[in-house]
Amino acid sequence: MKIQRACAVGLAVLAAWAGTASAQPASYPNQTIKLLVGWTAGGATDLLARQLATHMAKQLEQPVVVDNRAGAVGTIAHSEASRAKPDGYTLILATNSTYAIAPHLIKPLSYGPDALAPIALVGTSPLILTVKPTLNVQSVKEVIDLARQQPGRLNYSSGGNGSTSHLASELFKDLTRTSITHIPYKGGGPATLAVASGEVDLGFVDIGVAVPMIRAGRLKAVAVSGSARSPVLPQVPTVEEAGVPRFESATKFALFAPAGTPPAVIERLAEAVRSVQKNDELKDRLRQQGIELVATGPAELRKDAADDLAKWGRLIRERKLSLD
């Protein structure tokens, strides 16, 4: 009888524990979620974050508030996210410049490669090589010719030291054997405005921010950085099409939570992202901004992030790139 009673008590405890565990996902979330963005307002990451926040809030039935913490190639926000309580109420929409490029260029970092838990790869976007309207070039070949004729005279903007636009530009310089001076800005929005205003000559900039300026005649589009033409500007060739073999670069946007966040919460968030990615109206709207929504879960993002970390590391070492 004692054994039977003990077993009964044990089963009751296990049942209660299982009930509590299964109830945890249902109780999450029950308060506002903060979505960190490591870039200034107006850039591609910020634009996507605000769309994502709006639609995730509907799925999760709780507010999702974007909090811009710009600086240091997004690593300030990344560091804050890594220190946050792992309860699912602090997330970060990061770019590959932060989780795959910065670790090779910024040392020491306040966080390691396992400081954040992957949730989902949300989207990708090519950059677009643009020039100021007064620069007398219309093609990649003409940019290269002018840069070679006057080494060091031309300058380019980027979203910051170590940003995707910085690395894309340095790769372009290396493959074309040109000398173009780097002028870093704090985010894709300011970097794009710098070209439009004539403050700098050219730049690989966020396509979503650049398109309205291109259509208004404030920027000239020369080429896109991706492996295929953008449906937003189908008449604009890729850099490789325009005569620079092996050139390809794109910005990736990925959602992370602090390491140690319960798997059930991670899955709840991943499910919300998948629901967002099935929204055809949103997909079309973002496509017009140059962003393609993708559907991957935590495991796929973990592998993709590791692959990108290795890829950019090889490039940085081979090209001997630095923040100097």
Protein backbone atom coordinates (compact mmCIF):
# COMPACT_ATOMS: atom_id res chain seq x y z
CA MET A 1 0.00 0.00 0.00
CA LYS A 2 2.85 2.36 0.86
CA ILE A 3 4.46 1.66 -2.50
CA GLN A 4 1.15 2.22 -4.30
CA ARG A 5 0.59 5.44 -2.35
CA ALA A 6 4.12 6.64 -3.16
CA CYS A 7 3.64 5.85 -6.83
CA ALA A 8 0.34 7.67 -6.83
CA VAL A 9 1.91 10.73 -5.25
CA GLY A 10 4.81 10.60 -7.71
CA LEU A 11 2.47 10.35 -10.67
CA ALA A 12 0.43 13.23 -9.33
CA VAL A 13 3.55 15.38 -9.03
CA LEU A 14 4.66 14.46 -12.55
CA ALA A 15 1.20 15.21 -13.88
CA ALA A 16 1.17 18.57 -12.14
CA TRP A 17 4.65 19.39 -13.48
CA ALA A 18 3.66 18.34 -16.99
CA GLY A 19 0.52 20.45 -16.74
CA THR A 20 2.55 23.46 -15.65
CA ALA A 21 5.12 22.92 -18.41
CA SER A 22 2.45 22.56 -21.07
CA ALA A 23 0.73 25.68 -19.76
CA GLN A 24 3.86 27.81 -20.09
CA PRO A 25 3.60 28.39 -23.86
CA ALA A 26 -0.08 29.28 -23.49
CA SER A 27 0.72 31.90 -20.84
CA TYR A 28 3.38 33.52 -23.01
CA PRO A 29 3.30 36.35 -23.78
CA ASN A 30 1.38 38.28 -21.13
CA GLN A 31 3.13 41.66 -21.43
CA THR A 32 4.80 43.99 -23.93
CA ILE A 33 7.71 42.57 -25.94
CA LYS A 34 10.70 44.79 -26.74
CA LEU A 35 12.28 44.35 -30.18
CA LEU A 36 15.79 45.79 -30.27
CA VAL A 37 17.24 47.15 -33.51
CA GLY A 38 20.91 48.04 -33.71
CA TRP A 39 20.46 50.67 -36.41
CA THR A 40 18.92 54.12 -36.72
CA ALA A 41 15.33 54.76 -37.75
CA GLY A 42 14.77 54.89 -41.50
CA GLY A 43 17.12 52.09 -42.55
CA ALA A 44 16.10 48.72 -43.96
CA THR A 45 16.41 46.90 -40.62
CA ASP A 46 14.25 49.50 -38.90
CA LEU A 47 11.63 49.39 -41.67
CA LEU A 48 11.40 45.60 -41.51
CA ALA A 49 11.37 45.60 -37.70
CA ARG A 50 8.36 47.91 -37.57
CA GLN A 51 6.41 45.83 -40.07
CA LEU A 52 7.38 42.66 -38.22
CA ALA A 53 6.44 44.14 -34.85
CA THR A 54 2.99 45.17 -36.06
CA HIS A 55 2.15 41.75 -37.45
CA MET A 56 3.73 39.73 -34.63
CA ALA A 57 1.72 41.79 -32.13
CA LYS A 58 -1.46 40.58 -33.82
CA GLN A 59 -0.32 36.96 -33.67
CA LEU A 60 0.89 37.17 -30.07
CA GLU A 61 -1.94 39.45 -28.87
CA GLN A 62 0.55 41.66 -27.05
CA PRO A 63 2.31 44.89 -28.10
CA VAL A 64 5.72 44.53 -29.75
CA VAL A 65 7.68 47.77 -29.41
CA VAL A 66 10.73 48.61 -31.54
CA ASP A 67 13.66 50.07 -29.59
CA ASN A 68 16.49 51.52 -31.72
CA ARG A 69 19.93 51.21 -30.08
CA ALA A 70 22.22 52.27 -32.91
CA GLY A 71 25.99 52.17 -32.95
CA ALA A 72 29.06 49.94 -33.34
CA VAL A 73 27.64 47.96 -36.29
CA GLY A 74 24.63 46.90 -34.25
CA THR A 75 26.77 45.39 -31.48
CA ILE A 76 25.41 47.77 -28.82
CA ALA A 77 21.92 46.34 -29.28
CA HIS A 78 23.36 42.83 -29.64
CA SER A 79 25.17 43.19 -26.33
CA GLU A 80 22.04 44.48 -24.60
CA ALA A 81 20.00 41.57 -25.94
CA SER A 82 22.60 39.07 -24.74
CA ARG A 83 22.36 40.47 -21.19
CA ALA A 84 18.56 40.58 -21.09
CA LYS A 85 16.49 38.18 -19.03
CA PRO A 86 15.83 35.05 -21.15
CA ASP A 87 12.07 35.18 -20.83
CA GLY A 88 11.03 36.10 -24.37
CA TYR A 89 10.27 39.74 -23.62
CA THR A 90 13.47 41.13 -25.15
CA LEU A 91 14.25 40.17 -28.74
CA ILE A 92 16.57 41.54 -31.40
CA LEU A 93 16.23 41.81 -35.15
CA ALA A 94 19.89 41.56 -36.12
CA THR A 95 21.69 41.61 -39.46
CA ASN A 96 24.51 39.40 -40.68
CA SER A 97 26.84 42.36 -40.28
CA THR A 98 26.34 42.04 -36.51
CA TYR A 99 26.31 38.28 -36.01
CA ALA A 100 28.61 37.18 -38.85
CA ILE A 101 30.94 40.10 -39.67
CA ALA A 102 31.49 42.10 -36.46
CA PRO A 103 33.00 39.16 -34.52
CA HIS A 104 35.92 39.18 -36.98
CA LEU A 105 36.47 42.93 -36.84
CA ILE A 106 35.58 44.12 -33.34
CA LYS A 107 37.64 42.67 -30.52
CA PRO A 108 37.00 42.14 -27.76
CA LEU A 109 33.23 41.82 -27.99
CA SER A 110 31.16 41.73 -24.82
CA TYR A 111 29.31 38.63 -26.04
CA GLY A 112 30.19 35.29 -27.60
CA PRO A 113 28.74 33.42 -30.59
CA ASP A 114 26.29 31.54 -28.34
CA ALA A 115 24.99 34.60 -26.46
CA LEU A 116 21.73 34.60 -28.41
CA ALA A 117 19.25 31.87 -29.29
CA PRO A 118 18.14 31.75 -32.95
CA ILE A 119 14.44 32.10 -33.69
CA ALA A 120 14.06 32.67 -37.44
CA LEU A 121 15.70 34.13 -40.52
CA VAL A 122 13.11 36.75 -41.42
CA GLY A 123 14.26 38.21 -44.72
CA THR A 124 17.04 39.09 -47.13
CA SER A 125 17.76 42.19 -49.18
CA PRO A 126 20.40 43.08 -51.76
CA LEU A 127 22.20 46.38 -51.61
CA ILE A 128 22.20 48.74 -54.55
CA LEU A 129 25.20 50.62 -55.86
CA THR A 130 24.07 54.22 -56.26
CA VAL A 131 25.86 57.43 -57.21
CA LYS A 132 25.00 61.06 -56.60
CA PRO A 133 23.07 62.70 -59.47
CA THR A 134 25.91 65.07 -60.38
CA LEU A 135 28.49 62.30 -60.81
CA ASN A 136 28.96 61.76 -64.53
CA VAL A 137 28.71 57.96 -64.56
CA GLN A 138 25.92 55.64 -65.65
CA SER A 139 27.37 52.15 -65.24
CA VAL A 140 29.68 49.99 -63.16
CA LYS A 141 32.33 50.22 -65.88
CA GLU A 142 32.24 54.01 -65.74
CA VAL A 143 32.53 53.97 -61.93
CA ILE A 144 35.58 51.70 -62.21
CA ASP A 145 37.16 53.81 -64.96
CA LEU A 146 36.70 57.04 -63.00
CA ALA A 147 38.06 55.48 -59.80
CA ARG A 148 41.13 54.22 -61.63
CA GLN A 149 41.74 57.55 -63.33
CA GLN A 150 41.68 59.40 -60.01
CA PRO A 151 42.72 56.95 -57.25
CA GLY A 152 41.45 57.96 -53.83
CA ARG A 153 39.41 60.94 -55.04
CA LEU A 154 36.03 59.19 -55.02
CA ASN A 155 34.45 58.30 -51.69
CA TYR A 156 31.65 55.99 -50.62
CA SER A 157 29.22 55.84 -47.70
CA SER A 158 28.35 52.80 -45.61
CA GLY A 159 26.05 52.02 -42.71
CA GLY A 160 29.09 51.89 -40.43
CA ASN A 161 32.45 50.19 -40.00
CA GLY A 162 31.92 46.46 -40.40
CA SER A 163 28.43 46.81 -41.87
CA THR A 164 27.31 44.72 -44.83
CA SER A 165 27.57 47.81 -47.03
CA HIS A 166 31.14 48.37 -45.84
CA LEU A 167 32.17 44.80 -46.64
CA ALA A 168 30.35 44.87 -49.99
CA SER A 169 32.18 48.06 -50.93
CA GLU A 170 35.56 46.70 -49.87
CA LEU A 171 34.94 43.53 -51.86
CA PHE A 172 34.03 45.69 -54.87
CA LYS A 173 37.26 47.69 -54.48
CA ASP A 174 39.34 44.55 -54.19
CA LEU A 175 37.81 42.80 -57.19
CA THR A 176 38.01 45.92 -59.37
CA ARG A 177 41.45 47.03 -58.11
CA THR A 178 40.23 50.53 -57.30
CA SER A 179 40.93 52.99 -54.48
CA ILE A 180 37.78 54.63 -53.08
CA THR A 181 37.70 56.32 -49.66
CA HIS A 182 35.35 54.97 -46.99
CA ILE A 183 33.03 57.39 -45.13
CA PRO A 184 31.08 55.46 -42.43
CA TYR A 185 27.66 56.59 -41.15
CA LYS A 186 25.46 55.39 -38.31
CA GLY A 187 22.99 53.33 -40.28
CA GLY A 188 21.66 52.71 -43.76
CA GLY A 189 19.31 55.70 -43.79
CA PRO A 190 22.02 58.32 -43.18
CA ALA A 191 24.36 56.51 -45.59
CA THR A 192 21.76 56.72 -48.36
CA LEU A 193 20.97 60.37 -47.66
CA ALA A 194 24.70 61.15 -47.84
CA VAL A 195 24.80 59.98 -51.46
CA ALA A 196 21.53 61.70 -52.38
CA SER A 197 22.71 65.01 -50.92
CA GLY A 198 26.06 64.80 -52.69
CA GLU A 199 27.95 64.60 -49.42
CA VAL A 200 29.65 61.48 -50.81
CA ASP A 201 30.01 60.22 -54.37
CA LEU A 202 28.55 56.73 -54.19
CA GLY A 203 27.56 53.86 -51.94
CA PHE A 204 26.12 50.38 -51.67
CA VAL A 205 22.92 51.34 -49.86
CA ASP A 206 19.69 49.75 -48.63
CA ILE A 207 17.53 49.19 -51.68
CA GLY A 208 14.26 49.85 -49.84
CA VAL A 209 15.43 53.27 -48.70
CA ALA A 210 17.00 54.10 -52.06
CA VAL A 211 14.14 53.21 -54.43
CA PRO A 212 11.93 56.27 -53.72
CA MET A 213 14.97 58.52 -54.14
CA ILE A 214 15.92 56.77 -57.38
CA ARG A 215 12.41 57.24 -58.76
CA ALA A 216 12.48 60.89 -57.69
CA GLY A 217 15.80 61.44 -59.47
CA ARG A 218 17.73 62.08 -56.25
CA LEU A 219 19.94 59.02 -56.78
CA LYS A 220 21.26 57.14 -59.80
CA ALA A 221 21.07 53.34 -59.63
CA VAL A 222 24.07 51.56 -61.13
CA ALA A 223 23.82 47.89 -60.05
CA VAL A 224 22.40 45.56 -57.40
CA SER A 225 24.64 43.45 -55.17
CA GLY A 226 22.63 40.23 -55.15
CA SER A 227 22.90 37.14 -57.32
CA ALA A 228 19.80 38.14 -59.30
CA ARG A 229 18.13 41.36 -60.40
CA SER A 230 15.66 42.92 -58.00
CA PRO A 231 11.96 42.82 -58.97
CA VAL A 232 11.76 46.39 -57.69
CA LEU A 233 14.29 47.63 -60.28
CA PRO A 234 14.36 44.91 -62.95
CA GLN A 235 16.18 47.15 -65.42
CA VAL A 236 19.20 47.48 -63.12
CA PRO A 237 21.84 44.76 -63.66
CA THR A 238 23.68 42.88 -60.94
CA VAL A 239 27.27 43.88 -60.25
CA GLU A 240 28.41 40.55 -61.68
CA GLU A 241 26.33 41.06 -64.84
CA ALA A 242 27.95 44.47 -65.17
CA GLY A 243 31.39 42.92 -65.39
CA VAL A 244 32.66 42.11 -61.88
CA PRO A 245 32.88 38.30 -61.58
CA ARG A 246 32.32 36.58 -58.21
CA PHE A 247 30.67 39.62 -56.67
CA GLU A 248 27.62 38.87 -54.51
CA SER A 249 26.43 40.32 -51.22
CA ALA A 250 23.13 40.72 -49.40
CA THR A 251 21.83 41.82 -46.04
CA LYS A 252 20.15 39.14 -43.93
CA PHE A 253 17.69 39.94 -41.16
CA ALA A 254 17.36 37.42 -38.34
CA LEU A 255 15.38 37.28 -35.10
CA PHE A 256 17.13 36.20 -31.89
CA ALA A 257 16.36 35.95 -28.17
CA PRO A 258 18.77 35.81 -25.22
CA ALA A 259 20.44 32.43 -24.75
CA GLY A 260 18.55 30.33 -22.24
CA THR A 261 15.11 31.41 -23.41
CA PRO A 262 12.78 28.39 -22.93
CA PRO A 263 12.39 26.26 -26.09
CA ALA A 264 8.59 26.58 -25.86
CA VAL A 265 8.89 30.38 -25.99
CA ILE A 266 11.33 30.18 -28.92
CA GLU A 267 8.88 27.97 -30.80
CA ARG A 268 5.97 30.31 -30.01
CA LEU A 269 7.95 33.21 -31.49
CA ALA A 270 9.06 31.17 -34.50
CA GLU A 271 5.43 30.24 -35.10
CA ALA A 272 4.47 33.93 -35.02
CA VAL A 273 7.18 34.72 -37.59
CA ARG A 274 5.99 31.87 -39.83
CA SER A 275 2.48 33.32 -39.70
CA VAL A 276 3.84 36.72 -40.69
CA GLN A 277 5.72 35.15 -43.59
CA LYS A 278 2.45 33.68 -44.92
CA ASN A 279 0.91 37.15 -45.19
CA ASP A 280 0.87 37.78 -48.96
CA GLU A 281 -0.03 41.45 -48.59
CA LEU A 282 2.95 42.05 -46.32
CA LYS A 283 5.25 40.02 -48.59
CA ASP A 284 4.27 42.17 -51.56
CA ARG A 285 4.70 45.38 -49.57
CA LEU A 286 8.15 44.38 -48.36
CA ARG A 287 9.14 43.19 -51.83
CA GLN A 288 8.46 46.71 -53.07
CA GLN A 289 10.97 47.83 -50.43
CA GLY A 290 13.52 45.34 -51.73
CA ILE A 291 13.11 42.80 -48.92
CA GLU A 292 12.21 39.16 -49.55
CA LEU A 293 10.56 37.37 -46.64
CA VAL A 294 11.89 33.86 -46.05
CA ALA A 295 10.69 31.02 -43.84
CA THR A 296 13.29 29.27 -41.70
CA GLY A 297 13.16 28.07 -38.12
CA PRO A 298 15.69 28.06 -35.27
CA ALA A 299 17.74 25.10 -36.56
CA GLU A 300 18.03 26.52 -40.07
CA LEU A 301 19.02 29.95 -38.77
CA ARG A 302 21.65 28.42 -36.49
CA LYS A 303 23.29 26.69 -39.48
CA ASP A 304 22.96 29.71 -41.78
CA ALA A 305 24.50 32.01 -39.17
CA ALA A 306 27.42 29.61 -38.64
CA ASP A 307 27.97 29.36 -42.41
CA ASP A 308 27.94 33.16 -42.75
CA LEU A 309 30.35 33.55 -39.84
CA ALA A 310 32.81 31.24 -41.60
CA LYS A 311 32.27 32.82 -45.04
CA TRP A 312 32.83 36.41 -43.92
CA GLY A 313 35.74 35.35 -41.74
CA ARG A 314 37.52 33.85 -44.73
CA LEU A 315 36.84 36.96 -46.81
CA ILE A 316 38.10 39.34 -44.13
CA ARG A 317 41.29 37.32 -43.65
CA GLU A 318 41.95 36.88 -47.37
CA ARG A 319 41.31 40.56 -48.15
CA LYS A 320 43.11 41.68 -44.97
CA LEU A 321 40.18 43.95 -44.14
CA SER A 322 40.05 45.91 -40.90
CA LEU A 323 38.20 48.81 -39.31
CA ASP A 324 41.20 51.11 -39.78
